[in-house]
Amino acid sequence: MPISFISKTEDGFGILELAGTLTLGPSLRDLRENVRKVLTDTKLAGLIVNVTEVTAVDSAGLGELTVLYTVASKRSCPVRLVGVNPALRKMLELTRLDAVLPSADDMASAKKEIRAG
């Protein structure tokens, strides 16, 4: 199942809820465009990406998370991942992307960490 996503703004944060496979395919381009739309609100305190429902990630999906981080950081918008499964956590650690894409235990923790700066 290709990646699907819901985007919204909540409490001054951009929220992306991802579901399905974060793998090579046209849906990654759609995700990137959606992230750009979410980040047009310059008043966002941060971007939280809920990956709880992501079932698989490949190198293209990992690359897309990196692009998401780059787009957000150019707008001085910190990013937190929520709901990282063990397989994705291992990929992030092996590639050392866990330093630029930190994860939080839940949505409330992510908001608190971003606000703490």
PDB file of N, CA and C in Angstrom:
ATOM      1  N   MET A   1       0.854  -1.183   0.000  1.00  0.00           N
ATOM      2  CA  MET A   1       0.000   0.000   0.000  1.00  0.00           C
ATOM      3  C   MET A   1       0.893   1.236   0.000  1.00  0.00           C
ATOM      4  N   PRO A   2       0.750   2.114  -0.996  1.00  0.00           N
ATOM      5  CA  PRO A   2       1.565   3.334  -1.026  1.00  0.00           C
ATOM      6  C   PRO A   2       1.250   4.221   0.179  1.00  0.00           C
ATOM      7  N   ILE A   3       2.159   5.115   0.441  1.00  0.00           N
ATOM      8  CA  ILE A   3       1.995   6.007   1.584  1.00  0.00           C
ATOM      9  C   ILE A   3       0.770   6.902   1.396  1.00  0.00           C
ATOM     10  N   SER A   4       0.031   7.049   2.456  1.00  0.00           N
ATOM     11  CA  SER A   4      -1.060   8.024   2.458  1.00  0.00           C
ATOM     12  C   SER A   4      -0.797   8.939   3.643  1.00  0.00           C
ATOM     13  N   PHE A   5      -1.355  10.117   3.584  1.00  0.00           N
ATOM     14  CA  PHE A   5      -1.062  11.066   4.647  1.00  0.00           C
ATOM     15  C   PHE A   5      -2.218  12.015   4.873  1.00  0.00           C
ATOM     16  N   ILE A   6      -2.281  12.469   6.098  1.00  0.00           N
ATOM     17  CA  ILE A   6      -3.235  13.500   6.495  1.00  0.00           C
ATOM     18  C   ILE A   6      -2.395  14.610   7.091  1.00  0.00           C
ATOM     19  N   SER A   7      -2.651  15.825   6.670  1.00  0.00           N
ATOM     20  CA  SER A   7      -1.925  16.953   7.247  1.00  0.00           C
ATOM     21  C   SER A   7      -2.913  17.905   7.903  1.00  0.00           C
ATOM     22  N   LYS A   8      -2.464  18.484   9.004  1.00  0.00           N
ATOM     23  CA  LYS A   8      -3.305  19.439   9.717  1.00  0.00           C
ATOM     24  C   LYS A   8      -2.427  20.334  10.559  1.00  0.00           C
ATOM     25  N   THR A   9      -3.024  21.380  11.075  1.00  0.00           N
ATOM     26  CA  THR A   9      -2.341  22.265  12.007  1.00  0.00           C
ATOM     27  C   THR A   9      -3.077  22.161  13.331  1.00  0.00           C
ATOM     28  N   GLU A  10      -2.307  21.994  14.401  1.00  0.00           N
ATOM     29  CA  GLU A  10      -2.898  21.791  15.722  1.00  0.00           C
ATOM     30  C   GLU A  10      -1.990  22.451  16.765  1.00  0.00           C
ATOM     31  N   ASP A  11      -2.539  23.332  17.570  1.00  0.00           N
ATOM     32  CA  ASP A  11      -1.785  24.005  18.633  1.00  0.00           C
ATOM     33  C   ASP A  11      -0.531  24.704  18.114  1.00  0.00           C
ATOM     34  N   GLY A  12      -0.568  25.198  16.889  1.00  0.00           N
ATOM     35  CA  GLY A  12       0.579  25.893  16.328  1.00  0.00           C
ATOM     36  C   GLY A  12       1.637  24.978  15.730  1.00  0.00           C
ATOM     37  N   PHE A  13       1.325  23.689  15.599  1.00  0.00           N
ATOM     38  CA  PHE A  13       2.246  22.721  15.016  1.00  0.00           C
ATOM     39  C   PHE A  13       1.664  22.172  13.725  1.00  0.00           C
ATOM     40  N   GLY A  14       2.524  21.935  12.744  1.00  0.00           N
ATOM     41  CA  GLY A  14       2.118  21.195  11.561  1.00  0.00           C
ATOM     42  C   GLY A  14       2.189  19.716  11.907  1.00  0.00           C
ATOM     43  N   ILE A  15       1.145  18.982  11.625  1.00  0.00           N
ATOM     44  CA  ILE A  15       1.090  17.554  11.935  1.00  0.00           C
ATOM     45  C   ILE A  15       0.907  16.779  10.637  1.00  0.00           C
ATOM     46  N   LEU A  16       1.762  15.804  10.407  1.00  0.00           N
ATOM     47  CA  LEU A  16       1.610  14.883   9.280  1.00  0.00           C
ATOM     48  C   LEU A  16       1.414  13.487   9.850  1.00  0.00           C
ATOM     49  N   GLU A  17       0.328  12.857   9.476  1.00  0.00           N
ATOM     50  CA  GLU A  17       0.067  11.482   9.903  1.00  0.00           C
ATOM     51  C   GLU A  17       0.233  10.593   8.678  1.00  0.00           C
ATOM     52  N   LEU A  18       1.248   9.746   8.718  1.00  0.00           N
ATOM     53  CA  LEU A  18       1.556   8.877   7.586  1.00  0.00           C
ATOM     54  C   LEU A  18       1.048   7.467   7.843  1.00  0.00           C
ATOM     55  N   ALA A  19       0.628   6.784   6.782  1.00  0.00           N
ATOM     56  CA  ALA A  19       0.182   5.394   6.874  1.00  0.00           C
ATOM     57  C   ALA A  19       0.563   4.670   5.594  1.00  0.00           C
ATOM     58  N   GLY A  20       0.911   3.402   5.731  1.00  0.00           N
ATOM     59  CA  GLY A  20       1.271   2.604   4.558  1.00  0.00           C
ATOM     60  C   GLY A  20       2.767   2.443   4.441  1.00  0.00           C
ATOM     61  N   THR A  21       3.228   2.245   3.209  1.00  0.00           N
ATOM     62  CA  THR A  21       4.653   2.017   2.971  1.00  0.00           C
ATOM     63  C   THR A  21       5.323   3.288   2.473  1.00  0.00           C
ATOM     64  N   LEU A  22       6.376   3.639   3.144  1.00  0.00           N
ATOM     65  CA  LEU A  22       7.167   4.811   2.775  1.00  0.00           C
ATOM     66  C   LEU A  22       8.298   4.298   1.881  1.00  0.00           C
ATOM     67  N   THR A  23       7.920   3.992   0.641  1.00  0.00           N
ATOM     68  CA  THR A  23       8.848   3.363  -0.299  1.00  0.00           C
ATOM     69  C   THR A  23       8.793   4.081  -1.646  1.00  0.00           C
ATOM     70  N   LEU A  24       9.770   3.759  -2.484  1.00  0.00           N
ATOM     71  CA  LEU A  24       9.890   4.387  -3.793  1.00  0.00           C
ATOM     72  C   LEU A  24       8.566   4.342  -4.554  1.00  0.00           C
ATOM     73  N   GLY A  25       8.180   5.481  -5.086  1.00  0.00           N
ATOM     74  CA  GLY A  25       6.955   5.563  -5.869  1.00  0.00           C
ATOM     75  C   GLY A  25       6.456   6.994  -5.950  1.00  0.00           C
ATOM     76  N   PRO A  26       5.430   7.218  -6.765  1.00  0.00           N
ATOM     77  CA  PRO A  26       4.912   8.570  -6.971  1.00  0.00           C
ATOM     78  C   PRO A  26       4.344   9.213  -5.713  1.00  0.00           C
ATOM     79  N   SER A  27       3.927   8.404  -4.749  1.00  0.00           N
ATOM     80  CA  SER A  27       3.331   8.982  -3.551  1.00  0.00           C
ATOM     81  C   SER A  27       4.349   9.777  -2.734  1.00  0.00           C
ATOM     82  N   LEU A  28       5.647   9.478  -2.897  1.00  0.00           N
ATOM     83  CA  LEU A  28       6.669  10.255  -2.180  1.00  0.00           C
ATOM     84  C   LEU A  28       6.694  11.701  -2.672  1.00  0.00           C
ATOM     85  N   ARG A  29       6.507  11.889  -3.972  1.00  0.00           N
ATOM     86  CA  ARG A  29       6.456  13.248  -4.529  1.00  0.00           C
ATOM     87  C   ARG A  29       5.260  14.001  -3.962  1.00  0.00           C
ATOM     88  N   ASP A  30       4.134  13.308  -3.851  1.00  0.00           N
ATOM     89  CA  ASP A  30       2.937  13.922  -3.274  1.00  0.00           C
ATOM     90  C   ASP A  30       3.171  14.321  -1.823  1.00  0.00           C
ATOM     91  N   LEU A  31       3.875  13.471  -1.098  1.00  0.00           N
ATOM     92  CA  LEU A  31       4.195  13.769   0.299  1.00  0.00           C
ATOM     93  C   LEU A  31       5.035  15.037   0.388  1.00  0.00           C
ATOM     94  N   ARG A  32       6.042  15.155  -0.450  1.00  0.00           N
ATOM     95  CA  ARG A  32       6.910  16.337  -0.452  1.00  0.00           C
ATOM     96  C   ARG A  32       6.117  17.610  -0.716  1.00  0.00           C
ATOM     97  N   GLU A  33       5.239  17.557  -1.701  1.00  0.00           N
ATOM     98  CA  GLU A  33       4.422  18.733  -2.011  1.00  0.00           C
ATOM     99  C   GLU A  33       3.510  19.085  -0.841  1.00  0.00           C
ATOM    100  N   ASN A  34       2.969  18.076  -0.187  1.00  0.00           N
ATOM    101  CA  ASN A  34       2.101  18.316   0.951  1.00  0.00           C
ATOM    102  C   ASN A  34       2.865  18.951   2.101  1.00  0.00           C
ATOM    103  N   VAL A  35       4.082  18.506   2.324  1.00  0.00           N
ATOM    104  CA  VAL A  35       4.922  19.100   3.377  1.00  0.00           C
ATOM    105  C   VAL A  35       5.165  20.572   3.081  1.00  0.00           C
ATOM    106  N   ARG A  36       5.449  20.880   1.844  1.00  0.00           N
ATOM    107  CA  ARG A  36       5.668  22.293   1.474  1.00  0.00           C
ATOM    108  C   ARG A  36       4.429  23.131   1.753  1.00  0.00           C
ATOM    109  N   LYS A  37       3.255  22.584   1.474  1.00  0.00           N
ATOM    110  CA  LYS A  37       2.008  23.307   1.750  1.00  0.00           C
ATOM    111  C   LYS A  37       1.818  23.528   3.242  1.00  0.00           C
ATOM    112  N   VAL A  38       2.088  22.503   4.038  1.00  0.00           N
ATOM    113  CA  VAL A  38       1.951  22.620   5.490  1.00  0.00           C
ATOM    114  C   VAL A  38       2.900  23.696   6.018  1.00  0.00           C
ATOM    115  N   LEU A  39       4.099  23.745   5.463  1.00  0.00           N
ATOM    116  CA  LEU A  39       5.112  24.676   5.962  1.00  0.00           C
ATOM    117  C   LEU A  39       4.959  26.098   5.438  1.00  0.00           C
ATOM    118  N   THR A  40       3.926  26.353   4.648  1.00  0.00           N
ATOM    119  CA  THR A  40       3.718  27.733   4.197  1.00  0.00           C
ATOM    120  C   THR A  40       3.255  28.623   5.340  1.00  0.00           C
ATOM    121  N   ASP A  41       2.735  28.026   6.398  1.00  0.00           N
ATOM    122  CA  ASP A  41       2.346  28.780   7.588  1.00  0.00           C
ATOM    123  C   ASP A  41       3.620  29.077   8.370  1.00  0.00           C
ATOM    124  N   THR A  42       4.101  30.305   8.297  1.00  0.00           N
ATOM    125  CA  THR A  42       5.368  30.663   8.917  1.00  0.00           C
ATOM    126  C   THR A  42       5.282  30.759  10.432  1.00  0.00           C
ATOM    127  N   LYS A  43       4.100  30.641  10.989  1.00  0.00           N
ATOM    128  CA  LYS A  43       3.943  30.737  12.437  1.00  0.00           C
ATOM    129  C   LYS A  43       4.026  29.386  13.136  1.00  0.00           C
ATOM    130  N   LEU A  44       4.358  28.341  12.414  1.00  0.00           N
ATOM    131  CA  LEU A  44       4.424  27.007  13.017  1.00  0.00           C
ATOM    132  C   LEU A  44       5.574  26.913  14.010  1.00  0.00           C
ATOM    133  N   ALA A  45       5.306  26.318  15.151  1.00  0.00           N
ATOM    134  CA  ALA A  45       6.346  26.089  16.161  1.00  0.00           C
ATOM    135  C   ALA A  45       7.217  24.901  15.770  1.00  0.00           C
ATOM    136  N   GLY A  46       6.656  23.979  14.993  1.00  0.00           N
ATOM    137  CA  GLY A  46       7.396  22.798  14.576  1.00  0.00           C
ATOM    138  C   GLY A  46       6.548  21.891  13.716  1.00  0.00           C
ATOM    139  N   LEU A  47       7.183  20.849  13.208  1.00  0.00           N
ATOM    140  CA  LEU A  47       6.511  19.863  12.370  1.00  0.00           C
ATOM    141  C   LEU A  47       6.635  18.506  13.055  1.00  0.00           C
ATOM    142  N   ILE A  48       5.507  17.857  13.291  1.00  0.00           N
ATOM    143  CA  ILE A  48       5.480  16.544  13.921  1.00  0.00           C
ATOM    144  C   ILE A  48       4.979  15.537  12.890  1.00  0.00           C
ATOM    145  N   VAL A  49       5.771  14.486  12.692  1.00  0.00           N
ATOM    146  CA  VAL A  49       5.438  13.462  11.712  1.00  0.00           C
ATOM    147  C   VAL A  49       5.128  12.169  12.454  1.00  0.00           C
ATOM    148  N   ASN A  50       3.859  11.787  12.420  1.00  0.00           N
ATOM    149  CA  ASN A  50       3.420  10.571  13.089  1.00  0.00           C
ATOM    150  C   ASN A  50       3.591   9.402  12.115  1.00  0.00           C
ATOM    151  N   VAL A  51       4.503   8.497  12.452  1.00  0.00           N
ATOM    152  CA  VAL A  51       4.794   7.360  11.580  1.00  0.00           C
ATOM    153  C   VAL A  51       4.313   6.037  12.181  1.00  0.00           C
ATOM    154  N   THR A  52       3.423   6.111  13.143  1.00  0.00           N
ATOM    155  CA  THR A  52       2.907   4.920  13.824  1.00  0.00           C
ATOM    156  C   THR A  52       2.336   3.906  12.838  1.00  0.00           C
ATOM    157  N   GLU A  53       1.640   4.369  11.812  1.00  0.00           N
ATOM    158  CA  GLU A  53       0.976   3.479  10.854  1.00  0.00           C
ATOM    159  C   GLU A  53       1.822   3.169   9.623  1.00  0.00           C
ATOM    160  N   VAL A  54       3.101   3.535   9.638  1.00  0.00           N
ATOM    161  CA  VAL A  54       3.993   3.214   8.521  1.00  0.00           C
ATOM    162  C   VAL A  54       4.450   1.772   8.689  1.00  0.00           C
ATOM    163  N   THR A  55       4.216   0.962   7.663  1.00  0.00           N
ATOM    164  CA  THR A  55       4.494  -0.472   7.760  1.00  0.00           C
ATOM    165  C   THR A  55       5.858  -0.865   7.199  1.00  0.00           C
ATOM    166  N   ALA A  56       6.415  -0.052   6.299  1.00  0.00           N
ATOM    167  CA  ALA A  56       7.721  -0.364   5.711  1.00  0.00           C
ATOM    168  C   ALA A  56       8.367   0.924   5.218  1.00  0.00           C
ATOM    169  N   VAL A  57       9.697   0.943   5.272  1.00  0.00           N
ATOM    170  CA  VAL A  57      10.465   2.090   4.784  1.00  0.00           C
ATOM    171  C   VAL A  57      11.657   1.543   4.018  1.00  0.00           C
ATOM    172  N   ASP A  58      11.917   2.106   2.835  1.00  0.00           N
ATOM    173  CA  ASP A  58      13.131   1.746   2.103  1.00  0.00           C
ATOM    174  C   ASP A  58      14.032   2.975   2.034  1.00  0.00           C
ATOM    175  N   SER A  59      15.127   2.868   1.288  1.00  0.00           N
ATOM    176  CA  SER A  59      16.087   3.978   1.218  1.00  0.00           C
ATOM    177  C   SER A  59      15.456   5.232   0.607  1.00  0.00           C
ATOM    178  N   ALA A  60      14.542   5.059  -0.336  1.00  0.00           N
ATOM    179  CA  ALA A  60      13.860   6.221  -0.931  1.00  0.00           C
ATOM    180  C   ALA A  60      12.983   6.905   0.106  1.00  0.00           C
ATOM    181  N   GLY A  61      12.297   6.119   0.924  1.00  0.00           N
ATOM    182  CA  GLY A  61      11.464   6.681   1.981  1.00  0.00           C
ATOM    183  C   GLY A  61      12.297   7.398   3.019  1.00  0.00           C
ATOM    184  N   LEU A  62      13.429   6.808   3.373  1.00  0.00           N
ATOM    185  CA  LEU A  62      14.341   7.445   4.317  1.00  0.00           C
ATOM    186  C   LEU A  62      14.875   8.754   3.731  1.00  0.00           C
ATOM    187  N   GLY A  63      15.179   8.716   2.441  1.00  0.00           N
ATOM    188  CA  GLY A  63      15.617   9.931   1.759  1.00  0.00           C
ATOM    189  C   GLY A  63      14.545  11.013   1.778  1.00  0.00           C
ATOM    190  N   GLU A  64      13.298  10.601   1.631  1.00  0.00           N
ATOM    191  CA  GLU A  64      12.195  11.566   1.645  1.00  0.00           C
ATOM    192  C   GLU A  64      12.031  12.183   3.024  1.00  0.00           C
ATOM    193  N   LEU A  65      12.255  11.410   4.084  1.00  0.00           N
ATOM    194  CA  LEU A  65      12.227  11.986   5.431  1.00  0.00           C
ATOM    195  C   LEU A  65      13.337  13.022   5.587  1.00  0.00           C
ATOM    196  N   THR A  66      14.482  12.766   4.942  1.00  0.00           N
ATOM    197  CA  THR A  66      15.589  13.715   4.983  1.00  0.00           C
ATOM    198  C   THR A  66      15.225  14.993   4.235  1.00  0.00           C
ATOM    199  N   VAL A  67      14.553  14.849   3.090  1.00  0.00           N
ATOM    200  CA  VAL A  67      14.095  16.024   2.337  1.00  0.00           C
ATOM    201  C   VAL A  67      13.090  16.812   3.174  1.00  0.00           C
ATOM    202  N   LEU A  68      12.196  16.107   3.834  1.00  0.00           N
ATOM    203  CA  LEU A  68      11.214  16.745   4.713  1.00  0.00           C
ATOM    204  C   LEU A  68      11.943  17.582   5.777  1.00  0.00           C
ATOM    205  N   TYR A  69      12.977  16.992   6.386  1.00  0.00           N
ATOM    206  CA  TYR A  69      13.775  17.716   7.374  1.00  0.00           C
ATOM    207  C   TYR A  69      14.425  18.958   6.756  1.00  0.00           C
ATOM    208  N   THR A  70      14.990  18.820   5.567  1.00  0.00           N
ATOM    209  CA  THR A  70      15.668  19.936   4.907  1.00  0.00           C
ATOM    210  C   THR A  70      14.705  21.081   4.617  1.00  0.00           C
ATOM    211  N   VAL A  71      13.547  20.751   4.085  1.00  0.00           N
ATOM    212  CA  VAL A  71      12.540  21.778   3.779  1.00  0.00           C
ATOM    213  C   VAL A  71      12.114  22.496   5.061  1.00  0.00           C
ATOM    214  N   ALA A  72      11.890  21.729   6.127  1.00  0.00           N
ATOM    215  CA  ALA A  72      11.467  22.317   7.400  1.00  0.00           C
ATOM    216  C   ALA A  72      12.576  23.173   8.007  1.00  0.00           C
ATOM    217  N   SER A  73      13.809  22.690   7.979  1.00  0.00           N
ATOM    218  CA  SER A  73      14.898  23.437   8.610  1.00  0.00           C
ATOM    219  C   SER A  73      15.190  24.743   7.880  1.00  0.00           C
ATOM    220  N   LYS A  74      14.963  24.783   6.570  1.00  0.00           N
ATOM    221  CA  LYS A  74      15.132  26.044   5.832  1.00  0.00           C
ATOM    222  C   LYS A  74      14.136  27.096   6.290  1.00  0.00           C
ATOM    223  N   ARG A  75      13.060  26.646   6.905  1.00  0.00           N
ATOM    224  CA  ARG A  75      12.039  27.555   7.435  1.00  0.00           C
ATOM    225  C   ARG A  75      12.139  27.662   8.964  1.00  0.00           C
ATOM    226  N   SER A  76      13.277  27.226   9.505  1.00  0.00           N
ATOM    227  CA  SER A  76      13.520  27.248  10.953  1.00  0.00           C
ATOM    228  C   SER A  76      12.406  26.540  11.720  1.00  0.00           C
ATOM    229  N   CYS A  77      11.995  25.418  11.190  1.00  0.00           N
ATOM    230  CA  CYS A  77      10.894  24.647  11.776  1.00  0.00           C
ATOM    231  C   CYS A  77      11.431  23.293  12.247  1.00  0.00           C
ATOM    232  N   PRO A  78      11.575  23.091  13.560  1.00  0.00           N
ATOM    233  CA  PRO A  78      12.078  21.811  14.045  1.00  0.00           C
ATOM    234  C   PRO A  78      11.124  20.661  13.742  1.00  0.00           C
ATOM    235  N   VAL A  79      11.689  19.469  13.598  1.00  0.00           N
ATOM    236  CA  VAL A  79      10.918  18.284  13.237  1.00  0.00           C
ATOM    237  C   VAL A  79      11.072  17.218  14.318  1.00  0.00           C
ATOM    238  N   ARG A  80       9.978  16.529  14.621  1.00  0.00           N
ATOM    239  CA  ARG A  80      10.008  15.369  15.514  1.00  0.00           C
ATOM    240  C   ARG A  80       9.205  14.252  14.870  1.00  0.00           C
ATOM    241  N   LEU A  81       9.714  13.041  14.982  1.00  0.00           N
ATOM    242  CA  LEU A  81       8.984  11.855  14.556  1.00  0.00           C
ATOM    243  C   LEU A  81       8.296  11.257  15.774  1.00  0.00           C
ATOM    244  N   VAL A  82       7.099  10.742  15.589  1.00  0.00           N
ATOM    245  CA  VAL A  82       6.353  10.093  16.667  1.00  0.00           C
ATOM    246  C   VAL A  82       5.936   8.709  16.183  1.00  0.00           C
ATOM    247  N   GLY A  83       6.030   7.720  17.047  1.00  0.00           N
ATOM    248  CA  GLY A  83       5.583   6.368  16.704  1.00  0.00           C
ATOM    249  C   GLY A  83       6.567   5.598  15.857  1.00  0.00           C
ATOM    250  N   VAL A  84       7.860   5.833  16.064  1.00  0.00           N
ATOM    251  CA  VAL A  84       8.889   5.161  15.268  1.00  0.00           C
ATOM    252  C   VAL A  84       8.971   3.686  15.684  1.00  0.00           C
ATOM    253  N   ASN A  85       8.789   2.801  14.715  1.00  0.00           N
ATOM    254  CA  ASN A  85       8.872   1.366  15.011  1.00  0.00           C
ATOM    255  C   ASN A  85      10.338   0.928  15.072  1.00  0.00           C
ATOM    256  N   PRO A  86      10.611  -0.245  15.609  1.00  0.00           N
ATOM    257  CA  PRO A  86      12.004  -0.693  15.765  1.00  0.00           C
ATOM    258  C   PRO A  86      12.798  -0.740  14.451  1.00  0.00           C
ATOM    259  N   ALA A  87      12.175  -1.150  13.364  1.00  0.00           N
ATOM    260  CA  ALA A  87      12.885  -1.231  12.082  1.00  0.00           C
ATOM    261  C   ALA A  87      13.302   0.154  11.596  1.00  0.00           C
ATOM    262  N   LEU A  88      12.394   1.117  11.676  1.00  0.00           N
ATOM    263  CA  LEU A  88      12.730   2.479  11.260  1.00  0.00           C
ATOM    264  C   LEU A  88      13.767   3.075  12.201  1.00  0.00           C
ATOM    265  N   ARG A  89      13.624   2.821  13.492  1.00  0.00           N
ATOM    266  CA  ARG A  89      14.605   3.337  14.459  1.00  0.00           C
ATOM    267  C   ARG A  89      16.001   2.831  14.111  1.00  0.00           C
ATOM    268  N   LYS A  90      16.096   1.547  13.776  1.00  0.00           N
ATOM    269  CA  LYS A  90      17.398   0.973  13.423  1.00  0.00           C
ATOM    270  C   LYS A  90      17.965   1.634  12.175  1.00  0.00           C
ATOM    271  N   MET A  91      17.122   1.857  11.167  1.00  0.00           N
ATOM    272  CA  MET A  91      17.573   2.534   9.946  1.00  0.00           C
ATOM    273  C   MET A  91      18.077   3.943  10.260  1.00  0.00           C
ATOM    274  N   LEU A  92      17.341   4.661  11.099  1.00  0.00           N
ATOM    275  CA  LEU A  92      17.746   6.018  11.468  1.00  0.00           C
ATOM    276  C   LEU A  92      19.080   6.010  12.215  1.00  0.00           C
ATOM    277  N   GLU A  93      19.253   5.038  13.100  1.00  0.00           N
ATOM    278  CA  GLU A  93      20.502   4.939  13.860  1.00  0.00           C
ATOM    279  C   GLU A  93      21.675   4.556  12.964  1.00  0.00           C
ATOM    280  N   LEU A  94      21.483   3.578  12.076  1.00  0.00           N
ATOM    281  CA  LEU A  94      22.563   3.129  11.192  1.00  0.00           C
ATOM    282  C   LEU A  94      23.044   4.236  10.262  1.00  0.00           C
ATOM    283  N   THR A  95      22.122   5.069   9.831  1.00  0.00           N
ATOM    284  CA  THR A  95      22.470   6.155   8.918  1.00  0.00           C
ATOM    285  C   THR A  95      22.786   7.458   9.670  1.00  0.00           C
ATOM    286  N   ARG A  96      22.686   7.392  10.985  1.00  0.00           N
ATOM    287  CA  ARG A  96      22.921   8.537  11.878  1.00  0.00           C
ATOM    288  C   ARG A  96      21.928   9.682  11.642  1.00  0.00           C
ATOM    289  N   LEU A  97      20.813   9.356  11.020  1.00  0.00           N
ATOM    290  CA  LEU A  97      19.766  10.355  10.812  1.00  0.00           C
ATOM    291  C   LEU A  97      18.950  10.595  12.072  1.00  0.00           C
ATOM    292  N   ASP A  98      19.124   9.745  13.076  1.00  0.00           N
ATOM    293  CA  ASP A  98      18.416   9.955  14.335  1.00  0.00           C
ATOM    294  C   ASP A  98      18.831  11.274  14.992  1.00  0.00           C
ATOM    295  N   ALA A  99      19.994  11.803  14.616  1.00  0.00           N
ATOM    296  CA  ALA A  99      20.449  13.089  15.153  1.00  0.00           C
ATOM    297  C   ALA A  99      19.673  14.267  14.555  1.00  0.00           C
ATOM    298  N   VAL A 100      19.286  14.154  13.293  1.00  0.00           N
ATOM    299  CA  VAL A 100      18.548  15.251  12.644  1.00  0.00           C
ATOM    300  C   VAL A 100      17.045  15.017  12.630  1.00  0.00           C
ATOM    301  N   LEU A 101      16.651  13.766  12.813  1.00  0.00           N
ATOM    302  CA  LEU A 101      15.233  13.407  12.867  1.00  0.00           C
ATOM    303  C   LEU A 101      14.944  12.737  14.206  1.00  0.00           C
ATOM    304  N   PRO A 102      15.007  13.500  15.293  1.00  0.00           N
ATOM    305  CA  PRO A 102      14.764  12.893  16.603  1.00  0.00           C
ATOM    306  C   PRO A 102      13.320  12.429  16.727  1.00  0.00           C
ATOM    307  N   SER A 103      13.148  11.443  17.599  1.00  0.00           N
ATOM    308  CA  SER A 103      11.797  10.933  17.807  1.00  0.00           C
ATOM    309  C   SER A 103      11.353  11.210  19.231  1.00  0.00           C
ATOM    310  N   ALA A 104      10.048  11.241  19.393  1.00  0.00           N
ATOM    311  CA  ALA A 104       9.425  11.436  20.702  1.00  0.00           C
ATOM    312  C   ALA A 104       8.471  10.276  20.933  1.00  0.00           C
ATOM    313  N   ASP A 105       8.176  10.024  22.198  1.00  0.00           N
ATOM    314  CA  ASP A 105       7.305   8.896  22.541  1.00  0.00           C
ATOM    315  C   ASP A 105       5.870   9.086  22.071  1.00  0.00           C
ATOM    316  N   ASP A 106       5.390  10.323  22.145  1.00  0.00           N
ATOM    317  CA  ASP A 106       4.009  10.601  21.764  1.00  0.00           C
ATOM    318  C   ASP A 106       3.882  12.059  21.336  1.00  0.00           C
ATOM    319  N   MET A 107       2.695  12.415  20.901  1.00  0.00           N
ATOM    320  CA  MET A 107       2.449  13.759  20.377  1.00  0.00           C
ATOM    321  C   MET A 107       2.723  14.835  21.431  1.00  0.00           C
ATOM    322  N   ALA A 108       2.263  14.607  22.651  1.00  0.00           N
ATOM    323  CA  ALA A 108       2.449  15.599  23.724  1.00  0.00           C
ATOM    324  C   ALA A 108       3.930  15.810  24.007  1.00  0.00           C
ATOM    325  N   SER A 109       4.701  14.728  24.029  1.00  0.00           N
ATOM    326  CA  SER A 109       6.146  14.831  24.268  1.00  0.00           C
ATOM    327  C   SER A 109       6.823  15.581  23.134  1.00  0.00           C
ATOM    328  N   ALA A 110       6.419  15.321  21.915  1.00  0.00           N
ATOM    329  CA  ALA A 110       7.004  15.999  20.759  1.00  0.00           C
ATOM    330  C   ALA A 110       6.770  17.498  20.847  1.00  0.00           C
ATOM    331  N   LYS A 111       5.550  17.884  21.175  1.00  0.00           N
ATOM    332  CA  LYS A 111       5.236  19.315  21.301  1.00  0.00           C
ATOM    333  C   LYS A 111       6.067  19.949  22.408  1.00  0.00           C
ATOM    334  N   LYS A 112       6.179  19.253  23.521  1.00  0.00           N
ATOM    335  CA  LYS A 112       6.937  19.775  24.670  1.00  0.00           C
ATOM    336  C   LYS A 112       8.424  19.926  24.299  1.00  0.00           C
ATOM    337  N   GLU A 113       9.000  18.923  23.633  1.00  0.00           N
ATOM    338  CA  GLU A 113      10.407  18.987  23.241  1.00  0.00           C
ATOM    339  C   GLU A 113      10.670  20.131  22.271  1.00  0.00           C
ATOM    340  N   ILE A 114       9.779  20.318  21.313  1.00  0.00           N
ATOM    341  CA  ILE A 114       9.964  21.396  20.341  1.00  0.00           C
ATOM    342  C   ILE A 114       9.849  22.749  21.033  1.00  0.00           C
ATOM    343  N   ARG A 115       8.879  22.900  21.886  1.00  0.00           N
ATOM    344  CA  ARG A 115       8.718  24.189  22.595  1.00  0.00           C
ATOM    345  C   ARG A 115       9.914  24.487  23.492  1.00  0.00           C
ATOM    346  N   ALA A 116      10.523  23.442  24.070  1.00  0.00           N
ATOM    347  CA  ALA A 116      11.676  23.625  24.954  1.00  0.00           C
ATOM    348  C   ALA A 116      12.912  24.066  24.170  1.00  0.00           C
ATOM    349  N   GLY A 117      12.884  23.796  22.853  1.00  0.00           N
ATOM    350  CA  GLY A 117      13.920  24.263  21.961  1.00  0.00           C
ATOM    351  C   GLY A 117      15.168  23.506  22.035  1.00  0.00           C
TER     352      GLY A 117
END
